[in-house]
Amino acid sequence: MYSYKKTFFEILGDFFDRDYYAATTVSIFAGILMLYSEFTKFEIRTEKDLCNISGELYGFSFKNKVYSKYRVKPKISHEYYIWLENYSNGFQIFSDDKNFFKAKKFSQSVKKGQKIYLTIQEGLRPKLNNTGEYIRILSIDTKTNNFLNKKKTIERINDNWLFYCGLIFIFFGVIYYFIRRFIWTP
């Protein structure tokens, strides 16, 4: 009797067929991307991973843009930038950190030309003075005030939620594969 053996591309095609294993493929692929981005991000473990810089405030821009066209719930974009006299690049407060940033207090108390102290990641030091680059700020201080809490921003960077989400996606992809392969076949 003749037995037909599938080629590699036929087996691979099953994983992209929506009737079979497409959900498995997408789930495992998304999980792998999440794990990859988690393992390649900058980690801050000690004070050596931080770089303190200072300079006179040249300007800042704090914008909250609302995008509501064709949306039931409007999307809000937060763009917070600071420029210093000594540096040709800008510094950015990520929208993840906006809850820790006292923007109103900063705009009311800090004036152009006043000396401020910023903390950035040591790995971003080579990007200083690259025009057009924006470097993530971890803390903003003056001699008397703190406007962005370093401890909270570092906790936010070092959280592992993306790692756990990636594992969950891979786990459900593998479970769906076994369900589809042995229990629920079309």
C-alpha atoms as a PDB file:
ATOM      1  CA  MET A   1       0.000   0.000   0.000  1.00  0.00           C
ATOM      2  CA  TYR A   2       1.195   3.500  -0.823  1.00  0.00           C
ATOM      3  CA  SER A   3       1.691   5.913   2.095  1.00  0.00           C
ATOM      4  CA  TYR A   4       1.954   9.609   1.451  1.00  0.00           C
ATOM      5  CA  LYS A   5       4.457  11.524   3.528  1.00  0.00           C
ATOM      6  CA  LYS A   6       4.013  15.298   3.833  1.00  0.00           C
ATOM      7  CA  THR A   7       6.847  17.565   2.778  1.00  0.00           C
ATOM      8  CA  PHE A   8       8.280  20.177   5.097  1.00  0.00           C
ATOM      9  CA  PHE A   9       6.386  22.983   3.331  1.00  0.00           C
ATOM     10  CA  GLU A  10       3.091  21.110   3.576  1.00  0.00           C
ATOM     11  CA  ILE A  11       3.597  20.677   7.324  1.00  0.00           C
ATOM     12  CA  LEU A  12       4.591  24.326   7.619  1.00  0.00           C
ATOM     13  CA  GLY A  13       1.520  25.284   5.584  1.00  0.00           C
ATOM     14  CA  ASP A  14      -0.728  23.597   8.162  1.00  0.00           C
ATOM     15  CA  PHE A  15       0.510  26.027  10.790  1.00  0.00           C
ATOM     16  CA  PHE A  16      -0.647  28.975   8.702  1.00  0.00           C
ATOM     17  CA  ASP A  17      -3.979  27.429   7.712  1.00  0.00           C
ATOM     18  CA  ARG A  18      -6.783  29.136   9.593  1.00  0.00           C
ATOM     19  CA  ASP A  19      -8.682  25.854   9.976  1.00  0.00           C
ATOM     20  CA  TYR A  20      -5.808  24.153  11.729  1.00  0.00           C
ATOM     21  CA  TYR A  21      -3.006  25.831  13.612  1.00  0.00           C
ATOM     22  CA  ALA A  22      -3.040  29.549  12.727  1.00  0.00           C
ATOM     23  CA  ALA A  23      -4.033  30.501  16.282  1.00  0.00           C
ATOM     24  CA  THR A  24      -1.146  28.395  17.598  1.00  0.00           C
ATOM     25  CA  THR A  25       1.309  30.023  15.219  1.00  0.00           C
ATOM     26  CA  VAL A  26       0.196  33.562  16.004  1.00  0.00           C
ATOM     27  CA  SER A  27       0.131  32.917  19.754  1.00  0.00           C
ATOM     28  CA  ILE A  28       3.592  31.345  19.885  1.00  0.00           C
ATOM     29  CA  PHE A  29       5.034  34.015  17.566  1.00  0.00           C
ATOM     30  CA  ALA A  30       3.597  36.818  19.764  1.00  0.00           C
ATOM     31  CA  GLY A  31       4.987  35.109  22.861  1.00  0.00           C
ATOM     32  CA  ILE A  32       8.440  34.823  21.317  1.00  0.00           C
ATOM     33  CA  LEU A  33       8.388  38.504  20.342  1.00  0.00           C
ATOM     34  CA  MET A  34       7.437  39.462  23.903  1.00  0.00           C
ATOM     35  CA  LEU A  35      10.220  37.328  25.354  1.00  0.00           C
ATOM     36  CA  TYR A  36      12.719  38.764  22.874  1.00  0.00           C
ATOM     37  CA  SER A  37      11.837  42.350  23.745  1.00  0.00           C
ATOM     38  CA  GLU A  38      12.001  41.528  27.461  1.00  0.00           C
ATOM     39  CA  PHE A  39      15.467  39.970  27.182  1.00  0.00           C
ATOM     40  CA  THR A  40      16.913  42.749  24.993  1.00  0.00           C
ATOM     41  CA  LYS A  41      15.755  45.748  27.036  1.00  0.00           C
ATOM     42  CA  PHE A  42      18.093  47.814  29.182  1.00  0.00           C
ATOM     43  CA  GLU A  43      18.166  46.544  32.753  1.00  0.00           C
ATOM     44  CA  ILE A  44      19.075  48.810  35.631  1.00  0.00           C
ATOM     45  CA  ARG A  45      20.539  46.760  38.459  1.00  0.00           C
ATOM     46  CA  THR A  46      22.902  49.150  40.277  1.00  0.00           C
ATOM     47  CA  GLU A  47      23.843  52.821  40.432  1.00  0.00           C
ATOM     48  CA  LYS A  48      26.618  52.053  37.904  1.00  0.00           C
ATOM     49  CA  ASP A  49      23.904  51.583  35.277  1.00  0.00           C
ATOM     50  CA  LEU A  50      22.892  55.236  35.729  1.00  0.00           C
ATOM     51  CA  CYS A  51      24.426  58.454  34.468  1.00  0.00           C
ATOM     52  CA  ASN A  52      23.810  61.832  36.101  1.00  0.00           C
ATOM     53  CA  ILE A  53      23.997  64.925  33.911  1.00  0.00           C
ATOM     54  CA  SER A  54      23.237  68.544  34.564  1.00  0.00           C
ATOM     55  CA  GLY A  55      22.665  71.638  32.530  1.00  0.00           C
ATOM     56  CA  GLU A  56      20.746  74.849  32.246  1.00  0.00           C
ATOM     57  CA  LEU A  57      17.172  74.516  31.044  1.00  0.00           C
ATOM     58  CA  TYR A  58      16.821  75.707  27.454  1.00  0.00           C
ATOM     59  CA  GLY A  59      13.154  74.797  27.073  1.00  0.00           C
ATOM     60  CA  PHE A  60      10.457  72.206  27.561  1.00  0.00           C
ATOM     61  CA  SER A  61       7.281  71.043  25.882  1.00  0.00           C
ATOM     62  CA  PHE A  62       4.497  69.181  27.633  1.00  0.00           C
ATOM     63  CA  LYS A  63       1.698  68.219  25.241  1.00  0.00           C
ATOM     64  CA  ASN A  64      -1.304  65.992  25.791  1.00  0.00           C
ATOM     65  CA  LYS A  65      -2.819  65.313  22.380  1.00  0.00           C
ATOM     66  CA  VAL A  66      -6.299  63.857  22.087  1.00  0.00           C
ATOM     67  CA  TYR A  67      -7.127  61.746  19.044  1.00  0.00           C
ATOM     68  CA  SER A  68     -10.863  61.204  18.897  1.00  0.00           C
ATOM     69  CA  LYS A  69     -11.608  60.922  15.189  1.00  0.00           C
ATOM     70  CA  TYR A  70     -13.577  57.730  14.513  1.00  0.00           C
ATOM     71  CA  ARG A  71     -13.068  56.463  18.069  1.00  0.00           C
ATOM     72  CA  VAL A  72     -15.599  55.721  20.763  1.00  0.00           C
ATOM     73  CA  LYS A  73     -13.001  56.311  23.464  1.00  0.00           C
ATOM     74  CA  PRO A  74     -10.488  59.049  22.602  1.00  0.00           C
ATOM     75  CA  LYS A  75      -6.820  58.128  22.565  1.00  0.00           C
ATOM     76  CA  ILE A  76      -4.523  60.471  24.469  1.00  0.00           C
ATOM     77  CA  SER A  77      -0.882  60.874  23.519  1.00  0.00           C
ATOM     78  CA  HIS A  78       1.556  62.371  26.023  1.00  0.00           C
ATOM     79  CA  GLU A  79       4.652  64.074  24.658  1.00  0.00           C
ATOM     80  CA  TYR A  80       6.954  65.483  27.337  1.00  0.00           C
ATOM     81  CA  TYR A  81      10.321  66.857  26.175  1.00  0.00           C
ATOM     82  CA  ILE A  82      13.095  68.849  27.866  1.00  0.00           C
ATOM     83  CA  TRP A  83      16.095  70.544  26.246  1.00  0.00           C
ATOM     84  CA  LEU A  84      19.292  71.651  27.990  1.00  0.00           C
ATOM     85  CA  GLU A  85      21.761  74.359  26.927  1.00  0.00           C
ATOM     86  CA  ASN A  86      24.794  72.028  26.931  1.00  0.00           C
ATOM     87  CA  TYR A  87      23.264  69.281  24.770  1.00  0.00           C
ATOM     88  CA  SER A  88      22.059  69.278  21.165  1.00  0.00           C
ATOM     89  CA  ASN A  89      19.714  66.332  21.718  1.00  0.00           C
ATOM     90  CA  GLY A  90      16.418  66.375  23.582  1.00  0.00           C
ATOM     91  CA  PHE A  91      15.360  64.436  26.635  1.00  0.00           C
ATOM     92  CA  GLN A  92      12.016  62.655  26.862  1.00  0.00           C
ATOM     93  CA  ILE A  93       9.782  61.586  29.699  1.00  0.00           C
ATOM     94  CA  PHE A  94       8.106  58.412  28.480  1.00  0.00           C
ATOM     95  CA  SER A  95       4.347  58.220  28.747  1.00  0.00           C
ATOM     96  CA  ASP A  96       4.807  55.180  31.018  1.00  0.00           C
ATOM     97  CA  ASP A  97       6.433  57.514  33.538  1.00  0.00           C
ATOM     98  CA  LYS A  98       3.978  60.411  33.282  1.00  0.00           C
ATOM     99  CA  ASN A  99       2.178  59.348  36.452  1.00  0.00           C
ATOM    100  CA  PHE A 100       5.401  59.897  38.409  1.00  0.00           C
ATOM    101  CA  PHE A 101       6.138  63.288  36.836  1.00  0.00           C
ATOM    102  CA  LYS A 102       4.984  66.528  38.436  1.00  0.00           C
ATOM    103  CA  ALA A 103       4.572  68.484  35.192  1.00  0.00           C
ATOM    104  CA  LYS A 104       2.531  71.337  36.609  1.00  0.00           C
ATOM    105  CA  LYS A 105       4.954  71.898  39.481  1.00  0.00           C
ATOM    106  CA  PHE A 106       7.889  71.744  37.046  1.00  0.00           C
ATOM    107  CA  SER A 107       6.408  74.289  34.634  1.00  0.00           C
ATOM    108  CA  GLN A 108       5.537  76.673  37.470  1.00  0.00           C
ATOM    109  CA  SER A 109       8.797  76.545  39.430  1.00  0.00           C
ATOM    110  CA  VAL A 110      11.579  75.938  36.891  1.00  0.00           C
ATOM    111  CA  LYS A 111      12.559  78.828  34.622  1.00  0.00           C
ATOM    112  CA  LYS A 112      14.683  78.989  31.488  1.00  0.00           C
ATOM    113  CA  GLY A 113      18.369  79.107  32.384  1.00  0.00           C
ATOM    114  CA  GLN A 114      17.912  77.370  35.744  1.00  0.00           C
ATOM    115  CA  LYS A 115      20.236  74.454  36.458  1.00  0.00           C
ATOM    116  CA  ILE A 116      18.543  71.044  36.527  1.00  0.00           C
ATOM    117  CA  TYR A 117      19.888  67.561  37.134  1.00  0.00           C
ATOM    118  CA  LEU A 118      18.803  64.578  35.035  1.00  0.00           C
ATOM    119  CA  THR A 119      19.439  60.865  35.423  1.00  0.00           C
ATOM    120  CA  ILE A 120      19.629  58.680  32.311  1.00  0.00           C
ATOM    121  CA  GLN A 121      20.755  55.129  31.593  1.00  0.00           C
ATOM    122  CA  GLU A 122      24.524  54.704  31.278  1.00  0.00           C
ATOM    123  CA  GLY A 123      24.027  52.775  28.034  1.00  0.00           C
ATOM    124  CA  LEU A 124      22.546  55.909  26.437  1.00  0.00           C
ATOM    125  CA  ARG A 125      25.548  58.127  27.202  1.00  0.00           C
ATOM    126  CA  PRO A 126      26.987  57.721  23.656  1.00  0.00           C
ATOM    127  CA  LYS A 127      23.768  59.221  22.261  1.00  0.00           C
ATOM    128  CA  LEU A 128      24.319  62.509  24.105  1.00  0.00           C
ATOM    129  CA  ASN A 129      24.719  65.409  21.667  1.00  0.00           C
ATOM    130  CA  ASN A 130      23.257  63.434  18.741  1.00  0.00           C
ATOM    131  CA  THR A 131      20.925  65.918  17.107  1.00  0.00           C
ATOM    132  CA  GLY A 132      17.452  64.482  16.632  1.00  0.00           C
ATOM    133  CA  GLU A 133      17.847  61.870  19.368  1.00  0.00           C
ATOM    134  CA  TYR A 134      15.617  61.830  22.425  1.00  0.00           C
ATOM    135  CA  ILE A 135      16.966  60.160  25.545  1.00  0.00           C
ATOM    136  CA  ARG A 136      14.715  58.741  28.236  1.00  0.00           C
ATOM    137  CA  ILE A 137      14.861  60.595  31.537  1.00  0.00           C
ATOM    138  CA  LEU A 138      14.743  58.574  34.748  1.00  0.00           C
ATOM    139  CA  SER A 139      14.717  61.495  37.187  1.00  0.00           C
ATOM    140  CA  ILE A 140      14.553  65.296  37.151  1.00  0.00           C
ATOM    141  CA  ASP A 141      15.798  67.375  40.062  1.00  0.00           C
ATOM    142  CA  THR A 142      16.741  70.893  40.978  1.00  0.00           C
ATOM    143  CA  LYS A 143      18.673  71.808  44.106  1.00  0.00           C
ATOM    144  CA  THR A 144      15.429  71.895  46.113  1.00  0.00           C
ATOM    145  CA  ASN A 145      12.815  69.818  44.259  1.00  0.00           C
ATOM    146  CA  ASN A 146      12.333  66.394  42.718  1.00  0.00           C
ATOM    147  CA  PHE A 147       9.952  66.304  39.745  1.00  0.00           C
ATOM    148  CA  LEU A 148      10.393  62.747  38.467  1.00  0.00           C
ATOM    149  CA  ASN A 149      10.956  59.950  40.979  1.00  0.00           C
ATOM    150  CA  LYS A 150      13.965  57.808  40.002  1.00  0.00           C
ATOM    151  CA  LYS A 151      12.969  54.861  42.173  1.00  0.00           C
ATOM    152  CA  LYS A 152       9.520  54.553  40.584  1.00  0.00           C
ATOM    153  CA  THR A 153      10.753  54.886  37.008  1.00  0.00           C
ATOM    154  CA  ILE A 154      13.426  52.230  37.583  1.00  0.00           C
ATOM    155  CA  GLU A 155      10.810  49.892  39.080  1.00  0.00           C
ATOM    156  CA  ARG A 156       8.698  50.492  35.966  1.00  0.00           C
ATOM    157  CA  ILE A 157      11.613  49.656  33.655  1.00  0.00           C
ATOM    158  CA  ASN A 158      12.565  46.523  35.597  1.00  0.00           C
ATOM    159  CA  ASP A 159       9.082  45.034  35.902  1.00  0.00           C
ATOM    160  CA  ASN A 160       8.704  41.646  34.222  1.00  0.00           C
ATOM    161  CA  TRP A 161       5.113  41.748  32.979  1.00  0.00           C
ATOM    162  CA  LEU A 162       6.148  41.292  29.330  1.00  0.00           C
ATOM    163  CA  PHE A 163       8.071  38.130  30.234  1.00  0.00           C
ATOM    164  CA  TYR A 164       5.025  36.592  31.922  1.00  0.00           C
ATOM    165  CA  CYS A 165       2.705  37.625  29.084  1.00  0.00           C
ATOM    166  CA  GLY A 166       5.077  35.979  26.600  1.00  0.00           C
ATOM    167  CA  LEU A 167       5.082  32.738  28.579  1.00  0.00           C
ATOM    168  CA  ILE A 168       1.281  32.778  28.780  1.00  0.00           C
ATOM    169  CA  PHE A 169       0.959  33.278  25.006  1.00  0.00           C
ATOM    170  CA  ILE A 170       3.358  30.388  24.322  1.00  0.00           C
ATOM    171  CA  PHE A 171       1.581  28.176  26.872  1.00  0.00           C
ATOM    172  CA  PHE A 172      -1.841  28.788  25.328  1.00  0.00           C
ATOM    173  CA  GLY A 173      -0.422  28.286  21.834  1.00  0.00           C
ATOM    174  CA  VAL A 174       0.949  24.862  22.809  1.00  0.00           C
ATOM    175  CA  ILE A 175      -2.308  23.897  24.583  1.00  0.00           C
ATOM    176  CA  TYR A 176      -4.342  24.923  21.523  1.00  0.00           C
ATOM    177  CA  TYR A 177      -2.015  22.884  19.316  1.00  0.00           C
ATOM    178  CA  PHE A 178      -2.650  19.708  21.348  1.00  0.00           C
ATOM    179  CA  ILE A 179      -6.395  20.359  21.492  1.00  0.00           C
ATOM    180  CA  ARG A 180      -6.516  20.910  17.742  1.00  0.00           C
ATOM    181  CA  ARG A 181      -4.264  17.975  16.964  1.00  0.00           C
ATOM    182  CA  PHE A 182      -5.808  15.266  19.168  1.00  0.00           C
ATOM    183  CA  ILE A 183      -9.284  16.364  20.304  1.00  0.00           C
ATOM    184  CA  TRP A 184     -10.895  18.805  17.891  1.00  0.00           C
ATOM    185  CA  THR A 185      -9.919  17.964  14.328  1.00  0.00           C
ATOM    186  CA  PRO A 186     -11.822  19.414  11.352  1.00  0.00           C
END
